[in-house]
């Protein structure tokens, strides 16, 4: 299904709910940015959900992956793109799932958007990594907290996916997501919290598990996944390229810099603009 048909279908339905959305936005003090409508198929209504990466933390102003991807949609398809960025710094997968289930602004934004992207999970895994390094992870192999974080993240991921599909039920939507990169390759290759394995060797299987789950569950519903893990950490099975050494991280050695955001946006753009009707 091409983008023009997606836009026409979504915007026709969007107009039916525009008055409700305006009223809600007024009640919420104007917190919800409503899309302008320019012709029957002239506007892409794009909402990005996620954490600080979606928010664009440490990227040059206007150069986070969300505005870059919005620009790509506009230039590749000759449409105006109305963008709402609902990335929240510090959020975990639980936070995003809770917002999509309980916060009207998030639910209404998803309901009225025919282009949706999301990224989340890095904060979940980083918190578990910190526990492991602090010696408080638990278990005979000191990895109980890592396994628990993976299980919770996968459960929340499935909830996020199902909630978004439900909110867009029956309407063509360009859904795009991405897997999770490892910002700690060099640091963890150089450390052994416990003898026998480097921290990198301990963490990588857990990250691989999460990324395999993201790929499998998303693909099963026609949602395309940008391969950010390969882009940042190398496409080989070891994924042992350090993204900081490759010039993709900001000064905090965790978030993408301008080059990193540009790479994420390019991976999203390369997926094209096919839509699914959940």
C-alpha atoms as a PDB file:
ATOM      1  CA  UNK A   1       0.000   0.000   0.000  1.00  0.00           C
ATOM      2  CA  UNK A   2       1.511   3.351  -1.000  1.00  0.00           C
ATOM      3  CA  UNK A   3       1.842   6.378   1.245  1.00  0.00           C
ATOM      4  CA  UNK A   4      -0.797   8.404  -0.628  1.00  0.00           C
ATOM      5  CA  UNK A   5      -3.472   5.828   0.090  1.00  0.00           C
ATOM      6  CA  UNK A   6      -2.360   5.546   3.708  1.00  0.00           C
ATOM      7  CA  UNK A   7      -2.584   9.308   4.161  1.00  0.00           C
ATOM      8  CA  UNK A   8      -5.969   9.592   2.462  1.00  0.00           C
ATOM      9  CA  UNK A   9      -7.513   6.858   4.618  1.00  0.00           C
ATOM     10  CA  UNK A  10      -6.038   8.089   7.868  1.00  0.00           C
ATOM     11  CA  UNK A  11      -6.803  11.759   7.315  1.00  0.00           C
ATOM     12  CA  UNK A  12     -10.415  11.060   6.404  1.00  0.00           C
ATOM     13  CA  UNK A  13     -10.828   9.275   9.712  1.00  0.00           C
ATOM     14  CA  UNK A  14      -8.730  11.880  11.511  1.00  0.00           C
ATOM     15  CA  UNK A  15     -11.157  14.644  10.526  1.00  0.00           C
ATOM     16  CA  UNK A  16     -13.987  12.850  12.307  1.00  0.00           C
ATOM     17  CA  UNK A  17     -12.123  13.049  15.580  1.00  0.00           C
ATOM     18  CA  UNK A  18     -10.463  16.439  15.144  1.00  0.00           C
ATOM     19  CA  UNK A  19     -13.069  18.302  17.188  1.00  0.00           C
ATOM     20  CA  UNK A  20     -12.648  15.839  20.052  1.00  0.00           C
ATOM     21  CA  UNK A  21      -8.878  16.186  19.844  1.00  0.00           C
ATOM     22  CA  UNK A  22      -9.094  19.971  19.916  1.00  0.00           C
ATOM     23  CA  UNK A  23     -11.301  19.874  22.995  1.00  0.00           C
ATOM     24  CA  UNK A  24      -8.927  17.490  24.734  1.00  0.00           C
ATOM     25  CA  UNK A  25      -5.944  19.630  23.831  1.00  0.00           C
ATOM     26  CA  UNK A  26      -7.660  22.692  25.292  1.00  0.00           C
ATOM     27  CA  UNK A  27      -8.494  20.828  28.492  1.00  0.00           C
ATOM     28  CA  UNK A  28      -4.880  19.735  28.766  1.00  0.00           C
ATOM     29  CA  UNK A  29      -3.591  23.245  28.328  1.00  0.00           C
ATOM     30  CA  UNK A  30      -2.512  22.823  24.718  1.00  0.00           C
ATOM     31  CA  UNK A  31      -0.124  19.942  25.478  1.00  0.00           C
ATOM     32  CA  UNK A  32      -1.156  18.033  22.349  1.00  0.00           C
ATOM     33  CA  UNK A  33       0.078  19.365  19.027  1.00  0.00           C
ATOM     34  CA  UNK A  34      -2.647  18.762  16.469  1.00  0.00           C
ATOM     35  CA  UNK A  35      -1.727  18.113  12.844  1.00  0.00           C
ATOM     36  CA  UNK A  36      -2.643  20.568  10.138  1.00  0.00           C
ATOM     37  CA  UNK A  37      -4.630  19.115   7.273  1.00  0.00           C
ATOM     38  CA  UNK A  38      -3.424  20.092   3.826  1.00  0.00           C
ATOM     39  CA  UNK A  39      -5.510  18.376   1.181  1.00  0.00           C
ATOM     40  CA  UNK A  40      -6.876  14.837   1.166  1.00  0.00           C
ATOM     41  CA  UNK A  41      -3.440  13.226   1.048  1.00  0.00           C
ATOM     42  CA  UNK A  42      -1.112  16.104   1.795  1.00  0.00           C
ATOM     43  CA  UNK A  43      -0.213  15.538   5.444  1.00  0.00           C
ATOM     44  CA  UNK A  44       1.579  12.726   7.229  1.00  0.00           C
ATOM     45  CA  UNK A  45       0.635  12.661  10.910  1.00  0.00           C
ATOM     46  CA  UNK A  46       3.744  11.338  12.660  1.00  0.00           C
ATOM     47  CA  UNK A  47       4.183  10.580  16.356  1.00  0.00           C
ATOM     48  CA  UNK A  48       7.414   9.293  17.891  1.00  0.00           C
ATOM     49  CA  UNK A  49       7.328   7.491  21.235  1.00  0.00           C
ATOM     50  CA  UNK A  50      10.260   6.480  23.371  1.00  0.00           C
ATOM     51  CA  UNK A  51      12.962   7.569  25.764  1.00  0.00           C
ATOM     52  CA  UNK A  52      15.711  10.201  25.609  1.00  0.00           C
ATOM     53  CA  UNK A  53      16.886   8.948  22.232  1.00  0.00           C
ATOM     54  CA  UNK A  54      13.494   9.689  20.683  1.00  0.00           C
ATOM     55  CA  UNK A  55      13.549  12.979  22.584  1.00  0.00           C
ATOM     56  CA  UNK A  56      16.843  13.813  20.851  1.00  0.00           C
ATOM     57  CA  UNK A  57      18.986  14.281  23.957  1.00  0.00           C
ATOM     58  CA  UNK A  58      22.488  15.565  23.113  1.00  0.00           C
ATOM     59  CA  UNK A  59      21.716  15.845  19.414  1.00  0.00           C
ATOM     60  CA  UNK A  60      22.065  19.272  17.781  1.00  0.00           C
ATOM     61  CA  UNK A  61      18.740  21.097  17.797  1.00  0.00           C
ATOM     62  CA  UNK A  62      16.557  19.724  15.035  1.00  0.00           C
ATOM     63  CA  UNK A  63      19.004  16.920  14.260  1.00  0.00           C
ATOM     64  CA  UNK A  64      17.611  14.089  16.362  1.00  0.00           C
ATOM     65  CA  UNK A  65      16.444  11.023  14.489  1.00  0.00           C
ATOM     66  CA  UNK A  66      12.788  12.060  14.824  1.00  0.00           C
ATOM     67  CA  UNK A  67      13.002  15.367  12.909  1.00  0.00           C
ATOM     68  CA  UNK A  68      15.464  13.825  10.455  1.00  0.00           C
ATOM     69  CA  UNK A  69      13.074  10.972   9.731  1.00  0.00           C
ATOM     70  CA  UNK A  70      10.188  13.419   9.426  1.00  0.00           C
ATOM     71  CA  UNK A  71      12.211  15.366   6.850  1.00  0.00           C
ATOM     72  CA  UNK A  72      12.849  12.134   4.951  1.00  0.00           C
ATOM     73  CA  UNK A  73       9.133  11.300   4.880  1.00  0.00           C
ATOM     74  CA  UNK A  74       8.382  14.767   3.522  1.00  0.00           C
ATOM     75  CA  UNK A  75      11.078  14.808   0.845  1.00  0.00           C
ATOM     76  CA  UNK A  76      10.621  11.201  -0.283  1.00  0.00           C
ATOM     77  CA  UNK A  77       6.848  11.460  -0.621  1.00  0.00           C
ATOM     78  CA  UNK A  78       6.146  15.103  -1.342  1.00  0.00           C
ATOM     79  CA  UNK A  79       3.925  15.566   1.706  1.00  0.00           C
ATOM     80  CA  UNK A  80       3.775  17.869   4.700  1.00  0.00           C
ATOM     81  CA  UNK A  81       4.657  16.076   7.939  1.00  0.00           C
ATOM     82  CA  UNK A  82       3.043  17.082  11.222  1.00  0.00           C
ATOM     83  CA  UNK A  83       5.316  15.711  13.950  1.00  0.00           C
ATOM     84  CA  UNK A  84       4.669  15.092  17.631  1.00  0.00           C
ATOM     85  CA  UNK A  85       7.700  13.894  19.610  1.00  0.00           C
ATOM     86  CA  UNK A  86       6.642  12.138  22.811  1.00  0.00           C
ATOM     87  CA  UNK A  87      10.070  10.810  23.760  1.00  0.00           C
ATOM     88  CA  UNK A  88      10.687  11.231  27.492  1.00  0.00           C
ATOM     89  CA  UNK A  89      14.240  11.159  28.904  1.00  0.00           C
ATOM     90  CA  UNK A  90      14.810   8.403  31.437  1.00  0.00           C
ATOM     91  CA  UNK A  91      11.804   6.334  30.472  1.00  0.00           C
ATOM     92  CA  UNK A  92      11.846   2.554  30.592  1.00  0.00           C
ATOM     93  CA  UNK A  93       9.644   0.146  28.672  1.00  0.00           C
ATOM     94  CA  UNK A  94       7.294   0.059  31.663  1.00  0.00           C
ATOM     95  CA  UNK A  95       6.916   3.844  31.557  1.00  0.00           C
ATOM     96  CA  UNK A  96       6.038   3.855  27.872  1.00  0.00           C
ATOM     97  CA  UNK A  97       3.576   0.998  28.185  1.00  0.00           C
ATOM     98  CA  UNK A  98       1.888   2.685  31.141  1.00  0.00           C
ATOM     99  CA  UNK A  99       1.596   5.965  29.207  1.00  0.00           C
ATOM    100  CA  UNK A 100       0.063   4.262  26.186  1.00  0.00           C
ATOM    101  CA  UNK A 101      -2.480   2.548  28.406  1.00  0.00           C
ATOM    102  CA  UNK A 102      -3.377   5.386  30.778  1.00  0.00           C
ATOM    103  CA  UNK A 103      -2.348   8.827  29.443  1.00  0.00           C
ATOM    104  CA  UNK A 104      -4.886  10.403  27.116  1.00  0.00           C
ATOM    105  CA  UNK A 105      -2.324  12.526  25.272  1.00  0.00           C
ATOM    106  CA  UNK A 106      -0.329   9.419  24.339  1.00  0.00           C
ATOM    107  CA  UNK A 107      -3.369   7.377  23.396  1.00  0.00           C
ATOM    108  CA  UNK A 108      -4.907  10.139  21.312  1.00  0.00           C
ATOM    109  CA  UNK A 109      -1.591  10.838  19.580  1.00  0.00           C
ATOM    110  CA  UNK A 110      -1.284   7.180  18.595  1.00  0.00           C
ATOM    111  CA  UNK A 111      -4.934   7.034  17.541  1.00  0.00           C
ATOM    112  CA  UNK A 112      -4.624   9.994  15.172  1.00  0.00           C
ATOM    113  CA  UNK A 113      -1.192   9.224  13.671  1.00  0.00           C
ATOM    114  CA  UNK A 114      -0.662   7.328  10.450  1.00  0.00           C
ATOM    115  CA  UNK A 115       3.114   7.193  10.983  1.00  0.00           C
ATOM    116  CA  UNK A 116       4.380   5.864  14.327  1.00  0.00           C
ATOM    117  CA  UNK A 117       7.916   5.126  15.500  1.00  0.00           C
ATOM    118  CA  UNK A 118       9.167   4.057  18.896  1.00  0.00           C
ATOM    119  CA  UNK A 119      12.369   3.070  20.644  1.00  0.00           C
ATOM    120  CA  UNK A 120      12.765   1.969  24.250  1.00  0.00           C
ATOM    121  CA  UNK A 121      14.669  -0.498  26.424  1.00  0.00           C
ATOM    122  CA  UNK A 122      18.139   0.948  26.787  1.00  0.00           C
ATOM    123  CA  UNK A 123      17.376   2.284  30.256  1.00  0.00           C
ATOM    124  CA  UNK A 124      15.969  -1.082  31.362  1.00  0.00           C
ATOM    125  CA  UNK A 125      19.159  -2.894  30.435  1.00  0.00           C
ATOM    126  CA  UNK A 126      21.470  -0.162  31.699  1.00  0.00           C
ATOM    127  CA  UNK A 127      19.881  -0.326  35.161  1.00  0.00           C
ATOM    128  CA  UNK A 128      20.390  -4.101  35.290  1.00  0.00           C
ATOM    129  CA  UNK A 129      23.994  -3.682  34.133  1.00  0.00           C
ATOM    130  CA  UNK A 130      24.595  -1.271  37.004  1.00  0.00           C
ATOM    131  CA  UNK A 131      23.246  -3.833  39.466  1.00  0.00           C
ATOM    132  CA  UNK A 132      25.546  -6.496  38.076  1.00  0.00           C
ATOM    133  CA  UNK A 133      28.576  -4.247  38.331  1.00  0.00           C
ATOM    134  CA  UNK A 134      27.627  -3.276  41.882  1.00  0.00           C
ATOM    135  CA  UNK A 135      27.504  -6.939  42.909  1.00  0.00           C
ATOM    136  CA  UNK A 136      23.782  -6.870  43.720  1.00  0.00           C
ATOM    137  CA  UNK A 137      22.376  -8.784  40.760  1.00  0.00           C
ATOM    138  CA  UNK A 138      21.805 -12.076  42.561  1.00  0.00           C
ATOM    139  CA  UNK A 139      21.934 -15.695  41.533  1.00  0.00           C
ATOM    140  CA  UNK A 140      24.657 -18.327  41.463  1.00  0.00           C
ATOM    141  CA  UNK A 141      26.103 -16.744  38.337  1.00  0.00           C
ATOM    142  CA  UNK A 142      25.297 -13.179  39.489  1.00  0.00           C
ATOM    143  CA  UNK A 143      22.959 -12.676  36.521  1.00  0.00           C
ATOM    144  CA  UNK A 144      19.463 -12.974  37.989  1.00  0.00           C
ATOM    145  CA  UNK A 145      18.774  -9.246  37.599  1.00  0.00           C
ATOM    146  CA  UNK A 146      19.859  -9.379  33.946  1.00  0.00           C
ATOM    147  CA  UNK A 147      17.463 -12.213  33.201  1.00  0.00           C
ATOM    148  CA  UNK A 148      14.672 -10.456  35.081  1.00  0.00           C
ATOM    149  CA  UNK A 149      15.282  -7.225  33.147  1.00  0.00           C
ATOM    150  CA  UNK A 150      15.162  -9.084  29.838  1.00  0.00           C
ATOM    151  CA  UNK A 151      11.917 -10.867  30.775  1.00  0.00           C
ATOM    152  CA  UNK A 152      10.259  -7.635  31.913  1.00  0.00           C
ATOM    153  CA  UNK A 153      11.423  -5.712  28.863  1.00  0.00           C
ATOM    154  CA  UNK A 154      10.139  -8.373  26.486  1.00  0.00           C
ATOM    155  CA  UNK A 155       6.782  -8.480  28.269  1.00  0.00           C
ATOM    156  CA  UNK A 156       6.494  -4.688  28.163  1.00  0.00           C
ATOM    157  CA  UNK A 157       7.592  -4.609  24.531  1.00  0.00           C
ATOM    158  CA  UNK A 158       4.813  -6.972  23.589  1.00  0.00           C
ATOM    159  CA  UNK A 159       2.355  -4.799  25.509  1.00  0.00           C
ATOM    160  CA  UNK A 160       3.540  -1.650  23.717  1.00  0.00           C
ATOM    161  CA  UNK A 161       3.237  -3.327  20.336  1.00  0.00           C
ATOM    162  CA  UNK A 162      -0.233  -4.718  21.029  1.00  0.00           C
ATOM    163  CA  UNK A 163      -1.480  -1.411  22.449  1.00  0.00           C
ATOM    164  CA  UNK A 164      -0.310   0.555  19.418  1.00  0.00           C
ATOM    165  CA  UNK A 165      -1.865  -1.969  17.055  1.00  0.00           C
ATOM    166  CA  UNK A 166      -5.144  -1.778  18.969  1.00  0.00           C
ATOM    167  CA  UNK A 167      -5.202   2.026  18.952  1.00  0.00           C
ATOM    168  CA  UNK A 168      -4.723   2.000  15.170  1.00  0.00           C
ATOM    169  CA  UNK A 169      -7.052  -0.934  14.521  1.00  0.00           C
ATOM    170  CA  UNK A 170      -8.536  -0.938  11.045  1.00  0.00           C
ATOM    171  CA  UNK A 171      -6.515   1.989   9.703  1.00  0.00           C
ATOM    172  CA  UNK A 172      -3.389   1.814   7.516  1.00  0.00           C
ATOM    173  CA  UNK A 173      -0.323   2.842   9.497  1.00  0.00           C
ATOM    174  CA  UNK A 174       3.395   3.077   8.861  1.00  0.00           C
ATOM    175  CA  UNK A 175       4.792   1.427  12.003  1.00  0.00           C
ATOM    176  CA  UNK A 176       8.567   1.541  12.494  1.00  0.00           C
ATOM    177  CA  UNK A 177      10.692   0.574  15.452  1.00  0.00           C
ATOM    178  CA  UNK A 178      14.342  -0.308  16.115  1.00  0.00           C
ATOM    179  CA  UNK A 179      16.481  -2.667  18.110  1.00  0.00           C
ATOM    180  CA  UNK A 180      18.879  -1.630  20.894  1.00  0.00           C
ATOM    181  CA  UNK A 181      22.572  -0.829  20.543  1.00  0.00           C
ATOM    182  CA  UNK A 182      25.297  -1.425  23.135  1.00  0.00           C
ATOM    183  CA  UNK A 183      27.107   1.798  24.116  1.00  0.00           C
ATOM    184  CA  UNK A 184      29.431   0.050  26.593  1.00  0.00           C
ATOM    185  CA  UNK A 185      31.483  -2.269  24.368  1.00  0.00           C
ATOM    186  CA  UNK A 186      34.953  -0.888  25.073  1.00  0.00           C
ATOM    187  CA  UNK A 187      34.319  -0.301  28.781  1.00  0.00           C
ATOM    188  CA  UNK A 188      32.926  -3.782  29.328  1.00  0.00           C
ATOM    189  CA  UNK A 189      35.556  -5.557  27.262  1.00  0.00           C
ATOM    190  CA  UNK A 190      38.125  -4.073  29.640  1.00  0.00           C
ATOM    191  CA  UNK A 191      36.427  -5.148  32.886  1.00  0.00           C
ATOM    192  CA  UNK A 192      35.620  -8.353  34.740  1.00  0.00           C
ATOM    193  CA  UNK A 193      33.223  -7.803  37.622  1.00  0.00           C
ATOM    194  CA  UNK A 194      33.565 -11.514  38.344  1.00  0.00           C
ATOM    195  CA  UNK A 195      36.456 -13.768  37.223  1.00  0.00           C
ATOM    196  CA  UNK A 196      36.138 -15.883  34.105  1.00  0.00           C
ATOM    197  CA  UNK A 197      34.272 -13.619  31.699  1.00  0.00           C
ATOM    198  CA  UNK A 198      34.515 -10.006  30.679  1.00  0.00           C
ATOM    199  CA  UNK A 199      31.440  -7.928  31.390  1.00  0.00           C
ATOM    200  CA  UNK A 200      30.937  -7.630  27.632  1.00  0.00           C
ATOM    201  CA  UNK A 201      30.752 -11.425  27.335  1.00  0.00           C
ATOM    202  CA  UNK A 202      28.228 -11.510  30.176  1.00  0.00           C
ATOM    203  CA  UNK A 203      25.933  -8.795  28.813  1.00  0.00           C
ATOM    204  CA  UNK A 204      25.947  -9.533  25.081  1.00  0.00           C
ATOM    205  CA  UNK A 205      23.748 -12.689  25.193  1.00  0.00           C
ATOM    206  CA  UNK A 206      21.081 -10.812  27.127  1.00  0.00           C
ATOM    207  CA  UNK A 207      21.062  -7.945  24.625  1.00  0.00           C
ATOM    208  CA  UNK A 208      20.981 -10.451  21.760  1.00  0.00           C
ATOM    209  CA  UNK A 209      17.955 -12.093  23.375  1.00  0.00           C
ATOM    210  CA  UNK A 210      16.080  -8.784  23.586  1.00  0.00           C
ATOM    211  CA  UNK A 211      16.909  -7.796  20.023  1.00  0.00           C
ATOM    212  CA  UNK A 212      15.859 -11.188  18.678  1.00  0.00           C
ATOM    213  CA  UNK A 213      12.544 -10.780  20.508  1.00  0.00           C
ATOM    214  CA  UNK A 214      12.032  -7.279  19.097  1.00  0.00           C
ATOM    215  CA  UNK A 215      12.672  -8.590  15.580  1.00  0.00           C
ATOM    216  CA  UNK A 216      10.411 -11.638  15.909  1.00  0.00           C
ATOM    217  CA  UNK A 217       7.406  -9.976  17.526  1.00  0.00           C
ATOM    218  CA  UNK A 218       7.525  -6.894  15.325  1.00  0.00           C
ATOM    219  CA  UNK A 219       7.939  -8.830  12.091  1.00  0.00           C
ATOM    220  CA  UNK A 220       5.037 -11.108  13.016  1.00  0.00           C
ATOM    221  CA  UNK A 221       2.760  -8.054  12.867  1.00  0.00           C
ATOM    222  CA  UNK A 222       4.266  -6.457   9.776  1.00  0.00           C
ATOM    223  CA  UNK A 223       6.197  -3.837  11.756  1.00  0.00           C
ATOM    224  CA  UNK A 224       9.592  -3.135  10.200  1.00  0.00           C
ATOM    225  CA  UNK A 225      12.650  -2.883  12.461  1.00  0.00           C
ATOM    226  CA  UNK A 226      15.595  -0.560  11.828  1.00  0.00           C
ATOM    227  CA  UNK A 227      18.798  -2.499  12.486  1.00  0.00           C
ATOM    228  CA  UNK A 228      20.416  -0.026  14.857  1.00  0.00           C
ATOM    229  CA  UNK A 229      22.326  -2.779  16.699  1.00  0.00           C
ATOM    230  CA  UNK A 230      24.171  -3.682  13.494  1.00  0.00           C
ATOM    231  CA  UNK A 231      24.698  -0.032  12.612  1.00  0.00           C
ATOM    232  CA  UNK A 232      26.249   0.885  15.955  1.00  0.00           C
ATOM    233  CA  UNK A 233      27.959  -2.360  16.982  1.00  0.00           C
ATOM    234  CA  UNK A 234      28.827  -4.031  13.683  1.00  0.00           C
ATOM    235  CA  UNK A 235      26.886  -6.560  11.644  1.00  0.00           C
ATOM    236  CA  UNK A 236      28.926  -9.588  12.691  1.00  0.00           C
ATOM    237  CA  UNK A 237      27.649 -12.056  15.300  1.00  0.00           C
ATOM    238  CA  UNK A 238      29.909 -10.613  18.002  1.00  0.00           C
ATOM    239  CA  UNK A 239      28.552  -7.059  17.720  1.00  0.00           C
ATOM    240  CA  UNK A 240      31.810  -5.895  19.248  1.00  0.00           C
ATOM    241  CA  UNK A 241      32.283  -2.559  17.491  1.00  0.00           C
ATOM    242  CA  UNK A 242      32.399   0.232  20.061  1.00  0.00           C
ATOM    243  CA  UNK A 243      30.038   3.025  18.893  1.00  0.00           C
ATOM    244  CA  UNK A 244      32.023   5.662  20.774  1.00  0.00           C
ATOM    245  CA  UNK A 245      35.192   4.754  18.898  1.00  0.00           C
ATOM    246  CA  UNK A 246      33.153   4.871  15.675  1.00  0.00           C
ATOM    247  CA  UNK A 247      32.148   8.477  16.430  1.00  0.00           C
ATOM    248  CA  UNK A 248      28.467   7.757  17.069  1.00  0.00           C
ATOM    249  CA  UNK A 249      28.081   8.704  20.750  1.00  0.00           C
ATOM    250  CA  UNK A 250      27.776  12.001  22.583  1.00  0.00           C
ATOM    251  CA  UNK A 251      30.080  13.110  25.393  1.00  0.00           C
ATOM    252  CA  UNK A 252      28.173  10.986  27.938  1.00  0.00           C
ATOM    253  CA  UNK A 253      29.199   7.840  26.014  1.00  0.00           C
ATOM    254  CA  UNK A 254      25.618   6.589  26.109  1.00  0.00           C
ATOM    255  CA  UNK A 255      23.371   8.672  23.838  1.00  0.00           C
ATOM    256  CA  UNK A 256      23.853   9.078  20.093  1.00  0.00           C
ATOM    257  CA  UNK A 257      25.458  12.287  18.888  1.00  0.00           C
ATOM    258  CA  UNK A 258      24.455  14.034  15.668  1.00  0.00           C
ATOM    259  CA  UNK A 259      26.133  11.366  13.539  1.00  0.00           C
ATOM    260  CA  UNK A 260      24.455   8.615  15.538  1.00  0.00           C
ATOM    261  CA  UNK A 261      21.014  10.144  15.132  1.00  0.00           C
ATOM    262  CA  UNK A 262      21.627  10.607  11.414  1.00  0.00           C
ATOM    263  CA  UNK A 263      22.533   6.922  11.167  1.00  0.00           C
ATOM    264  CA  UNK A 264      19.342   5.876  12.985  1.00  0.00           C
ATOM    265  CA  UNK A 265      17.248   8.092  10.703  1.00  0.00           C
ATOM    266  CA  UNK A 266      18.943   6.633   7.640  1.00  0.00           C
ATOM    267  CA  UNK A 267      18.159   3.102   8.808  1.00  0.00           C
ATOM    268  CA  UNK A 268      14.504   4.055   9.270  1.00  0.00           C
ATOM    269  CA  UNK A 269      14.407   5.732   5.865  1.00  0.00           C
ATOM    270  CA  UNK A 270      15.908   2.684   4.177  1.00  0.00           C
ATOM    271  CA  UNK A 271      12.881   0.633   5.258  1.00  0.00           C
ATOM    272  CA  UNK A 272      10.653   2.549   2.859  1.00  0.00           C
ATOM    273  CA  UNK A 273       7.060   3.520   3.588  1.00  0.00           C
ATOM    274  CA  UNK A 274       4.948   0.390   3.412  1.00  0.00           C
ATOM    275  CA  UNK A 275       2.006   0.296   5.801  1.00  0.00           C
ATOM    276  CA  UNK A 276       0.005  -2.331   7.606  1.00  0.00           C
ATOM    277  CA  UNK A 277      -3.635  -2.320   8.664  1.00  0.00           C
ATOM    278  CA  UNK A 278      -3.821  -3.850  12.143  1.00  0.00           C
END
